[in-house]
Amino acid sequence: MLSRTTGDVVKSMATMVFNTDLCPMLPLVTSACTIISTSANTVASTFAQNYMMQQMKNARITLVEVKTKGHLPHLTAGKMVAKHISDVIHEWIARTEPLTSIPPSLLPSYDRLREEIRVLKEENMLLKRENEALKKPAIDETTKLATVSRPGGGSHESSPGSGGS
């Protein structure tokens, strides 16, 4: 990818990369990290990956190798990199514990919110029941009258067992 880039762009990128050394900050990283590398990277070797992992002692690190060549896997194998990132995110979500304790300062707001949710659920159940009641036809259970059309155009009310005429 870099071989197809103009000299000015490569020079500008190289100047930025070599003048920006964030290595002293690596030990400060404490979050989970995923290092994505390629199977054939001539710019950053496995030595660089190992160095990063050793320096980030306080971080939980996952190393993922994408089967492609070059230093920019997000450009040379974008779909594979996106898949790895997606997998990492889904794994993180699956491992994340639900909120088990509420800070005392947030308890009044949390309790109010829980009460509002309870009321909304209750109202929702009532609306569902009303909606279902409106869908059912109103039938008089005592007489069970039904309207029957007659061939002559008229109608006649009959009850079960009366024969109709």
N, C-alpha and C. Protein backbone atom coordinates (compact mmCIF):
# COMPACT_ATOMS: atom_id res chain seq x y z
N MET A 1 0.82 -1.18 0.00
CA MET A 1 0.00 0.00 0.00
C MET A 1 0.87 1.25 0.00
N LEU A 2 1.88 1.24 0.86
CA LEU A 2 2.77 2.40 0.92
C LEU A 2 3.58 2.55 -0.36
N SER A 3 3.85 1.42 -1.04
CA SER A 3 4.66 1.49 -2.27
C SER A 3 3.93 2.24 -3.37
N ARG A 4 2.62 2.31 -3.30
CA ARG A 4 1.84 3.03 -4.31
C ARG A 4 1.58 4.48 -3.92
N THR A 5 2.11 4.92 -2.80
CA THR A 5 1.89 6.28 -2.31
C THR A 5 3.01 7.18 -2.82
N THR A 6 2.68 8.43 -3.08
CA THR A 6 3.69 9.37 -3.57
C THR A 6 4.74 9.66 -2.52
N GLY A 7 5.91 10.07 -2.96
CA GLY A 7 7.03 10.33 -2.07
C GLY A 7 6.74 11.39 -1.02
N ASP A 8 6.02 12.44 -1.40
CA ASP A 8 5.70 13.51 -0.45
C ASP A 8 4.85 12.98 0.71
N VAL A 9 3.89 12.12 0.38
CA VAL A 9 3.01 11.58 1.41
C VAL A 9 3.80 10.66 2.33
N VAL A 10 4.65 9.80 1.75
CA VAL A 10 5.45 8.89 2.55
C VAL A 10 6.38 9.67 3.47
N LYS A 11 7.02 10.71 2.94
CA LYS A 11 7.94 11.53 3.75
C LYS A 11 7.19 12.20 4.90
N SER A 12 6.01 12.73 4.61
CA SER A 12 5.21 13.40 5.64
C SER A 12 4.80 12.41 6.72
N MET A 13 4.35 11.22 6.30
CA MET A 13 3.94 10.19 7.27
C MET A 13 5.12 9.75 8.12
N ALA A 14 6.26 9.51 7.48
CA ALA A 14 7.45 9.05 8.20
C ALA A 14 7.89 10.09 9.23
N THR A 15 7.88 11.36 8.84
CA THR A 15 8.26 12.43 9.77
C THR A 15 7.34 12.43 10.98
N MET A 16 6.02 12.31 10.74
CA MET A 16 5.07 12.31 11.84
C MET A 16 5.30 11.09 12.75
N VAL A 17 5.46 9.91 12.15
CA VAL A 17 5.62 8.68 12.93
C VAL A 17 6.89 8.74 13.77
N PHE A 18 8.00 9.13 13.16
CA PHE A 18 9.27 9.12 13.88
C PHE A 18 9.40 10.25 14.89
N ASN A 19 8.61 11.30 14.74
CA ASN A 19 8.63 12.40 15.71
C ASN A 19 7.57 12.25 16.80
N THR A 20 6.77 11.20 16.71
CA THR A 20 5.72 10.96 17.69
C THR A 20 6.00 9.64 18.38
N ASP A 21 6.65 9.69 19.50
CA ASP A 21 6.97 8.47 20.24
C ASP A 21 6.11 8.41 21.49
N LEU A 22 5.15 7.51 21.48
CA LEU A 22 4.26 7.36 22.63
C LEU A 22 4.66 6.20 23.54
N CYS A 23 5.82 5.61 23.30
CA CYS A 23 6.28 4.48 24.11
C CYS A 23 6.30 4.77 25.60
N PRO A 24 6.71 5.97 26.05
CA PRO A 24 6.69 6.22 27.50
C PRO A 24 5.29 6.14 28.11
N MET A 25 4.26 6.25 27.30
CA MET A 25 2.89 6.21 27.83
C MET A 25 2.34 4.79 27.93
N LEU A 26 2.98 3.82 27.30
CA LEU A 26 2.46 2.45 27.29
C LEU A 26 2.23 1.87 28.69
N PRO A 27 3.13 2.09 29.66
CA PRO A 27 2.87 1.54 31.00
C PRO A 27 1.63 2.14 31.69
N LEU A 28 1.16 3.27 31.20
CA LEU A 28 -0.01 3.91 31.80
C LEU A 28 -1.33 3.29 31.33
N VAL A 29 -1.26 2.47 30.30
CA VAL A 29 -2.48 1.86 29.75
C VAL A 29 -2.96 0.77 30.71
N THR A 30 -4.22 0.88 31.13
CA THR A 30 -4.78 -0.11 32.06
C THR A 30 -6.03 -0.79 31.52
N SER A 31 -6.49 -0.36 30.37
CA SER A 31 -7.73 -0.94 29.81
C SER A 31 -7.41 -2.17 28.96
N ALA A 32 -8.45 -2.86 28.57
CA ALA A 32 -8.28 -3.99 27.67
C ALA A 32 -7.87 -3.47 26.29
N CYS A 33 -6.92 -4.13 25.67
CA CYS A 33 -6.41 -3.70 24.36
C CYS A 33 -6.34 -4.88 23.41
N THR A 34 -6.58 -4.62 22.16
CA THR A 34 -6.39 -5.61 21.12
C THR A 34 -5.37 -5.07 20.15
N ILE A 35 -4.29 -5.80 19.96
CA ILE A 35 -3.26 -5.42 19.00
C ILE A 35 -3.50 -6.26 17.76
N ILE A 36 -3.77 -5.58 16.64
CA ILE A 36 -4.00 -6.27 15.38
C ILE A 36 -2.75 -6.13 14.53
N SER A 37 -2.19 -7.27 14.16
CA SER A 37 -0.98 -7.26 13.33
C SER A 37 -1.24 -8.08 12.07
N THR A 38 -0.28 -8.04 11.16
CA THR A 38 -0.40 -8.83 9.94
C THR A 38 0.63 -9.96 9.98
N SER A 39 0.40 -10.96 9.14
CA SER A 39 1.32 -12.10 9.12
C SER A 39 2.66 -11.73 8.50
N ALA A 40 2.70 -10.68 7.69
CA ALA A 40 3.96 -10.24 7.07
C ALA A 40 4.03 -8.72 7.12
N ASN A 41 4.55 -8.19 8.24
CA ASN A 41 4.63 -6.75 8.42
C ASN A 41 6.10 -6.36 8.47
N THR A 42 6.57 -5.68 7.45
CA THR A 42 7.98 -5.31 7.39
C THR A 42 8.26 -4.04 8.19
N VAL A 43 7.23 -3.29 8.55
CA VAL A 43 7.42 -2.04 9.28
C VAL A 43 7.50 -2.30 10.79
N ALA A 44 6.55 -3.04 11.31
CA ALA A 44 6.52 -3.35 12.75
C ALA A 44 6.60 -4.86 12.92
N SER A 45 7.73 -5.34 13.33
CA SER A 45 7.96 -6.77 13.48
C SER A 45 7.30 -7.31 14.74
N THR A 46 7.44 -8.60 14.95
CA THR A 46 6.91 -9.20 16.17
C THR A 46 7.63 -8.63 17.39
N PHE A 47 8.85 -8.15 17.21
CA PHE A 47 9.57 -7.50 18.31
C PHE A 47 8.77 -6.30 18.82
N ALA A 48 8.22 -5.49 17.90
CA ALA A 48 7.43 -4.32 18.30
C ALA A 48 6.17 -4.74 19.05
N GLN A 49 5.53 -5.80 18.59
CA GLN A 49 4.33 -6.30 19.28
C GLN A 49 4.67 -6.76 20.68
N ASN A 50 5.76 -7.53 20.80
CA ASN A 50 6.17 -8.03 22.11
C ASN A 50 6.55 -6.88 23.05
N TYR A 51 7.22 -5.88 22.50
CA TYR A 51 7.60 -4.71 23.30
C TYR A 51 6.35 -4.03 23.86
N MET A 52 5.35 -3.81 23.00
CA MET A 52 4.12 -3.17 23.46
C MET A 52 3.47 -3.99 24.56
N MET A 53 3.41 -5.29 24.36
CA MET A 53 2.77 -6.15 25.35
C MET A 53 3.52 -6.13 26.68
N GLN A 54 4.85 -6.11 26.63
CA GLN A 54 5.64 -6.07 27.86
C GLN A 54 5.48 -4.73 28.58
N GLN A 55 5.39 -3.65 27.83
CA GLN A 55 5.28 -2.32 28.43
C GLN A 55 3.89 -2.07 29.03
N MET A 56 2.88 -2.67 28.46
CA MET A 56 1.51 -2.48 28.96
C MET A 56 1.19 -3.57 29.99
N LYS A 57 1.95 -3.58 31.08
CA LYS A 57 1.82 -4.61 32.11
C LYS A 57 0.46 -4.60 32.79
N ASN A 58 -0.14 -3.43 32.88
CA ASN A 58 -1.41 -3.28 33.61
C ASN A 58 -2.63 -3.46 32.72
N ALA A 59 -2.42 -3.79 31.48
CA ALA A 59 -3.55 -3.94 30.54
C ALA A 59 -3.79 -5.42 30.23
N ARG A 60 -5.02 -5.72 29.89
CA ARG A 60 -5.37 -7.06 29.42
C ARG A 60 -5.29 -7.01 27.89
N ILE A 61 -4.32 -7.71 27.31
CA ILE A 61 -4.02 -7.56 25.89
C ILE A 61 -4.37 -8.83 25.13
N THR A 62 -4.98 -8.63 23.98
CA THR A 62 -5.24 -9.70 23.04
C THR A 62 -4.48 -9.38 21.77
N LEU A 63 -3.73 -10.34 21.26
CA LEU A 63 -2.99 -10.15 20.02
C LEU A 63 -3.70 -10.93 18.92
N VAL A 64 -4.06 -10.24 17.86
CA VAL A 64 -4.76 -10.86 16.73
C VAL A 64 -3.89 -10.69 15.50
N GLU A 65 -3.68 -11.79 14.78
CA GLU A 65 -2.90 -11.73 13.55
C GLU A 65 -3.83 -11.92 12.36
N VAL A 66 -3.82 -10.93 11.46
CA VAL A 66 -4.63 -10.99 10.25
C VAL A 66 -3.77 -11.56 9.13
N LYS A 67 -4.29 -12.52 8.40
CA LYS A 67 -3.54 -13.17 7.33
C LYS A 67 -3.50 -12.28 6.09
N THR A 68 -2.62 -11.29 6.14
CA THR A 68 -2.40 -10.39 5.01
C THR A 68 -1.00 -9.82 5.13
N LYS A 69 -0.54 -9.18 4.08
CA LYS A 69 0.78 -8.57 4.10
C LYS A 69 0.66 -7.08 4.33
N GLY A 70 1.72 -6.49 4.86
CA GLY A 70 1.77 -5.05 4.99
C GLY A 70 1.55 -4.54 6.40
N HIS A 71 1.64 -3.23 6.52
CA HIS A 71 1.57 -2.57 7.82
C HIS A 71 0.20 -1.94 8.09
N LEU A 72 -0.66 -1.91 7.09
CA LEU A 72 -1.95 -1.25 7.23
C LEU A 72 -3.09 -2.24 6.96
N PRO A 73 -3.32 -3.17 7.87
CA PRO A 73 -4.34 -4.20 7.61
C PRO A 73 -5.74 -3.63 7.44
N HIS A 74 -6.02 -2.48 8.04
CA HIS A 74 -7.35 -1.88 7.89
C HIS A 74 -7.56 -1.42 6.44
N LEU A 75 -6.47 -1.26 5.68
CA LEU A 75 -6.60 -0.92 4.26
C LEU A 75 -6.49 -2.14 3.37
N THR A 76 -5.57 -3.07 3.70
CA THR A 76 -5.35 -4.23 2.84
C THR A 76 -6.32 -5.37 3.11
N ALA A 77 -6.90 -5.43 4.30
CA ALA A 77 -7.83 -6.50 4.65
C ALA A 77 -8.91 -5.95 5.58
N GLY A 78 -9.58 -4.91 5.11
CA GLY A 78 -10.56 -4.21 5.93
C GLY A 78 -11.65 -5.08 6.52
N LYS A 79 -12.18 -6.01 5.71
CA LYS A 79 -13.27 -6.86 6.21
C LYS A 79 -12.80 -7.78 7.34
N MET A 80 -11.58 -8.31 7.19
CA MET A 80 -11.04 -9.18 8.25
C MET A 80 -10.80 -8.38 9.53
N VAL A 81 -10.27 -7.19 9.41
CA VAL A 81 -10.02 -6.35 10.58
C VAL A 81 -11.35 -5.98 11.25
N ALA A 82 -12.34 -5.61 10.44
CA ALA A 82 -13.66 -5.28 10.98
C ALA A 82 -14.26 -6.47 11.72
N LYS A 83 -14.08 -7.67 11.18
CA LYS A 83 -14.60 -8.89 11.83
C LYS A 83 -13.92 -9.09 13.18
N HIS A 84 -12.60 -8.92 13.23
CA HIS A 84 -11.88 -9.07 14.51
C HIS A 84 -12.33 -8.03 15.52
N ILE A 85 -12.50 -6.80 15.08
CA ILE A 85 -12.95 -5.74 16.00
C ILE A 85 -14.36 -6.06 16.50
N SER A 86 -15.22 -6.52 15.61
CA SER A 86 -16.58 -6.90 16.00
C SER A 86 -16.56 -8.03 17.03
N ASP A 87 -15.71 -9.04 16.80
CA ASP A 87 -15.60 -10.15 17.74
C ASP A 87 -15.15 -9.66 19.11
N VAL A 88 -14.16 -8.77 19.13
CA VAL A 88 -13.66 -8.24 20.39
C VAL A 88 -14.76 -7.48 21.13
N ILE A 89 -15.51 -6.67 20.41
CA ILE A 89 -16.60 -5.90 21.04
C ILE A 89 -17.66 -6.83 21.62
N HIS A 90 -18.06 -7.86 20.84
CA HIS A 90 -19.08 -8.79 21.33
C HIS A 90 -18.58 -9.58 22.54
N GLU A 91 -17.31 -9.96 22.53
CA GLU A 91 -16.73 -10.66 23.67
C GLU A 91 -16.72 -9.75 24.90
N TRP A 92 -16.37 -8.49 24.71
CA TRP A 92 -16.35 -7.54 25.82
C TRP A 92 -17.75 -7.36 26.40
N ILE A 93 -18.75 -7.23 25.53
CA ILE A 93 -20.13 -7.06 25.98
C ILE A 93 -20.57 -8.28 26.77
N ALA A 94 -20.21 -9.47 26.29
CA ALA A 94 -20.62 -10.71 26.97
C ALA A 94 -19.96 -10.81 28.35
N ARG A 95 -18.74 -10.30 28.50
CA ARG A 95 -18.01 -10.38 29.78
C ARG A 95 -18.40 -9.29 30.75
N THR A 96 -18.97 -8.20 30.25
CA THR A 96 -19.25 -7.05 31.10
C THR A 96 -20.34 -7.40 32.11
N GLU A 97 -20.05 -7.15 33.33
CA GLU A 97 -21.01 -7.40 34.40
C GLU A 97 -22.07 -6.32 34.39
N PRO A 98 -23.31 -6.69 34.66
CA PRO A 98 -24.34 -5.65 34.79
C PRO A 98 -24.05 -4.80 36.03
N LEU A 99 -24.60 -3.63 36.04
CA LEU A 99 -24.41 -2.73 37.17
C LEU A 99 -25.05 -3.37 38.41
N THR A 100 -24.20 -3.70 39.37
CA THR A 100 -24.72 -4.38 40.57
C THR A 100 -24.86 -3.46 41.76
N SER A 101 -24.13 -2.38 41.79
CA SER A 101 -24.28 -1.46 42.91
C SER A 101 -24.39 -0.03 42.40
N ILE A 102 -25.29 0.70 42.99
CA ILE A 102 -25.54 2.07 42.59
C ILE A 102 -24.86 2.99 43.61
N PRO A 103 -24.08 3.96 43.14
CA PRO A 103 -23.49 4.92 44.09
C PRO A 103 -24.60 5.62 44.87
N PRO A 104 -24.40 5.84 46.18
CA PRO A 104 -25.43 6.45 47.02
C PRO A 104 -25.96 7.78 46.48
N SER A 105 -25.11 8.56 45.84
CA SER A 105 -25.57 9.85 45.32
C SER A 105 -26.59 9.69 44.20
N LEU A 106 -26.59 8.52 43.54
CA LEU A 106 -27.52 8.31 42.43
C LEU A 106 -28.78 7.55 42.83
N LEU A 107 -28.83 7.06 44.07
CA LEU A 107 -29.97 6.25 44.49
C LEU A 107 -31.33 6.94 44.32
N PRO A 108 -31.50 8.21 44.74
CA PRO A 108 -32.82 8.82 44.55
C PRO A 108 -33.26 8.84 43.08
N SER A 109 -32.36 9.18 42.18
CA SER A 109 -32.69 9.20 40.76
C SER A 109 -32.98 7.80 40.26
N TYR A 110 -32.18 6.84 40.71
CA TYR A 110 -32.35 5.45 40.30
C TYR A 110 -33.70 4.92 40.78
N ASP A 111 -34.05 5.19 42.03
CA ASP A 111 -35.34 4.73 42.57
C ASP A 111 -36.51 5.38 41.83
N ARG A 112 -36.38 6.66 41.52
CA ARG A 112 -37.43 7.36 40.78
C ARG A 112 -37.60 6.74 39.39
N LEU A 113 -36.49 6.45 38.75
CA LEU A 113 -36.52 5.84 37.43
C LEU A 113 -37.15 4.46 37.48
N ARG A 114 -36.78 3.66 38.48
CA ARG A 114 -37.38 2.32 38.62
C ARG A 114 -38.88 2.43 38.81
N GLU A 115 -39.34 3.40 39.61
CA GLU A 115 -40.77 3.58 39.84
C GLU A 115 -41.48 3.98 38.56
N GLU A 116 -40.87 4.89 37.80
CA GLU A 116 -41.47 5.30 36.52
C GLU A 116 -41.57 4.12 35.56
N ILE A 117 -40.55 3.28 35.53
CA ILE A 117 -40.58 2.10 34.65
C ILE A 117 -41.68 1.15 35.11
N ARG A 118 -41.83 0.95 36.43
CA ARG A 118 -42.87 0.07 36.94
C ARG A 118 -44.26 0.58 36.55
N VAL A 119 -44.48 1.89 36.69
CA VAL A 119 -45.77 2.49 36.34
C VAL A 119 -46.03 2.34 34.84
N LEU A 120 -45.02 2.58 34.03
CA LEU A 120 -45.19 2.44 32.58
C LEU A 120 -45.51 1.01 32.19
N LYS A 121 -44.87 0.04 32.83
CA LYS A 121 -45.16 -1.37 32.54
C LYS A 121 -46.61 -1.71 32.92
N GLU A 122 -47.02 -1.19 34.07
CA GLU A 122 -48.39 -1.43 34.53
C GLU A 122 -49.40 -0.82 33.55
N GLU A 123 -49.15 0.42 33.14
CA GLU A 123 -50.03 1.09 32.17
C GLU A 123 -50.05 0.33 30.86
N ASN A 124 -48.91 -0.16 30.46
CA ASN A 124 -48.81 -0.91 29.22
C ASN A 124 -49.65 -2.18 29.29
N MET A 125 -49.61 -2.89 30.42
CA MET A 125 -50.42 -4.09 30.59
C MET A 125 -51.91 -3.76 30.54
N LEU A 126 -52.31 -2.65 31.18
CA LEU A 126 -53.72 -2.25 31.14
C LEU A 126 -54.16 -1.93 29.71
N LEU A 127 -53.32 -1.22 28.98
CA LEU A 127 -53.65 -0.90 27.59
C LEU A 127 -53.76 -2.15 26.74
N LYS A 128 -52.89 -3.13 26.96
CA LYS A 128 -52.97 -4.39 26.22
C LYS A 128 -54.28 -5.10 26.50
N ARG A 129 -54.67 -5.14 27.78
CA ARG A 129 -55.94 -5.79 28.15
C ARG A 129 -57.13 -5.08 27.50
N GLU A 130 -57.11 -3.73 27.54
CA GLU A 130 -58.20 -2.97 26.93
C GLU A 130 -58.25 -3.22 25.43
N ASN A 131 -57.09 -3.25 24.80
CA ASN A 131 -57.01 -3.48 23.36
C ASN A 131 -57.55 -4.86 23.00
N GLU A 132 -57.20 -5.87 23.79
CA GLU A 132 -57.70 -7.22 23.52
C GLU A 132 -59.21 -7.29 23.76
N ALA A 133 -59.71 -6.58 24.76
CA ALA A 133 -61.15 -6.57 25.04
C ALA A 133 -61.91 -5.92 23.88
N LEU A 134 -61.33 -4.91 23.25
CA LEU A 134 -61.98 -4.26 22.11
C LEU A 134 -62.01 -5.16 20.88
N LYS A 135 -61.07 -6.07 20.77
CA LYS A 135 -61.02 -6.97 19.61
C LYS A 135 -62.07 -8.07 19.70
N LYS A 136 -62.49 -8.44 20.92
CA LYS A 136 -63.46 -9.52 21.10
C LYS A 136 -64.87 -9.00 20.81
N PRO A 137 -65.69 -9.78 20.09
CA PRO A 137 -67.07 -9.35 19.86
C PRO A 137 -67.87 -9.45 21.17
N ALA A 138 -68.75 -8.49 21.35
CA ALA A 138 -69.60 -8.50 22.54
C ALA A 138 -70.73 -9.49 22.32
N ILE A 139 -70.77 -10.54 23.13
CA ILE A 139 -71.80 -11.57 22.99
C ILE A 139 -72.59 -11.62 24.29
N ASP A 140 -73.89 -11.61 24.16
CA ASP A 140 -74.76 -11.74 25.32
C ASP A 140 -74.80 -13.22 25.68
N GLU A 141 -74.14 -13.59 26.75
CA GLU A 141 -74.00 -14.99 27.13
C GLU A 141 -75.34 -15.62 27.53
N THR A 142 -76.29 -14.82 27.97
CA THR A 142 -77.55 -15.41 28.43
C THR A 142 -78.43 -15.86 27.29
N THR A 143 -78.52 -15.07 26.20
CA THR A 143 -79.42 -15.45 25.10
C THR A 143 -78.66 -15.90 23.86
N LYS A 144 -77.43 -15.48 23.68
CA LYS A 144 -76.61 -15.82 22.52
C LYS A 144 -77.39 -15.61 21.23
N LEU A 145 -77.90 -14.40 21.05
CA LEU A 145 -78.65 -14.06 19.85
C LEU A 145 -77.70 -13.87 18.68
N ALA A 146 -78.14 -14.28 17.52
CA ALA A 146 -77.35 -14.09 16.30
C ALA A 146 -78.27 -13.61 15.21
N THR A 147 -77.77 -12.79 14.30
CA THR A 147 -78.57 -12.31 13.18
C THR A 147 -78.33 -13.23 11.99
N VAL A 148 -79.45 -13.73 11.42
CA VAL A 148 -79.36 -14.65 10.29
C VAL A 148 -80.00 -13.99 9.08
N SER A 149 -79.30 -14.01 7.95
CA SER A 149 -79.87 -13.44 6.72
C SER A 149 -80.83 -14.43 6.11
N ARG A 150 -81.97 -13.90 5.59
CA ARG A 150 -82.96 -14.74 4.91
C ARG A 150 -82.85 -14.54 3.42
N PRO A 151 -83.17 -15.53 2.67
CA PRO A 151 -83.08 -15.41 1.21
C PRO A 151 -83.91 -14.26 0.65
N GLY A 152 -84.96 -13.87 1.26
CA GLY A 152 -85.81 -12.81 0.75
C GLY A 152 -85.29 -11.42 1.05
N GLY A 153 -84.17 -11.30 1.69
CA GLY A 153 -83.59 -9.99 1.97
C GLY A 153 -83.77 -9.55 3.40
N GLY A 154 -84.65 -10.14 4.15
CA GLY A 154 -84.86 -9.73 5.53
C GLY A 154 -83.89 -10.45 6.46
N SER A 155 -83.97 -10.09 7.70
CA SER A 155 -83.14 -10.79 8.68
C SER A 155 -84.02 -11.20 9.84
N HIS A 156 -83.53 -12.15 10.57
CA HIS A 156 -84.30 -12.68 11.68
C HIS A 156 -83.34 -13.02 12.81
N GLU A 157 -83.72 -12.66 14.04
CA GLU A 157 -82.90 -13.02 15.18
C GLU A 157 -83.34 -14.37 15.67
N SER A 158 -82.40 -15.22 15.91
CA SER A 158 -82.74 -16.54 16.45
C SER A 158 -81.77 -16.88 17.56
N SER A 159 -82.21 -17.73 18.43
CA SER A 159 -81.33 -18.20 19.47
C SER A 159 -81.09 -19.68 19.22
N PRO A 160 -79.98 -20.19 19.71
CA PRO A 160 -79.65 -21.60 19.46
C PRO A 160 -80.77 -22.51 19.96
N GLY A 161 -81.12 -23.47 19.14
CA GLY A 161 -82.13 -24.44 19.54
C GLY A 161 -83.55 -24.02 19.21
N SER A 162 -83.79 -22.79 18.71
CA SER A 162 -85.15 -22.37 18.44
C SER A 162 -85.58 -22.71 17.02
N GLY A 163 -84.63 -23.15 16.19
CA GLY A 163 -85.00 -23.54 14.84
C GLY A 163 -84.94 -22.41 13.86
N GLY A 164 -85.00 -21.20 14.27
CA GLY A 164 -84.81 -20.06 13.38
C GLY A 164 -86.09 -19.53 12.79
N SER A 165 -87.12 -20.35 12.38
CA SER A 165 -88.30 -19.79 11.75
C SER A 165 -89.52 -20.12 12.52
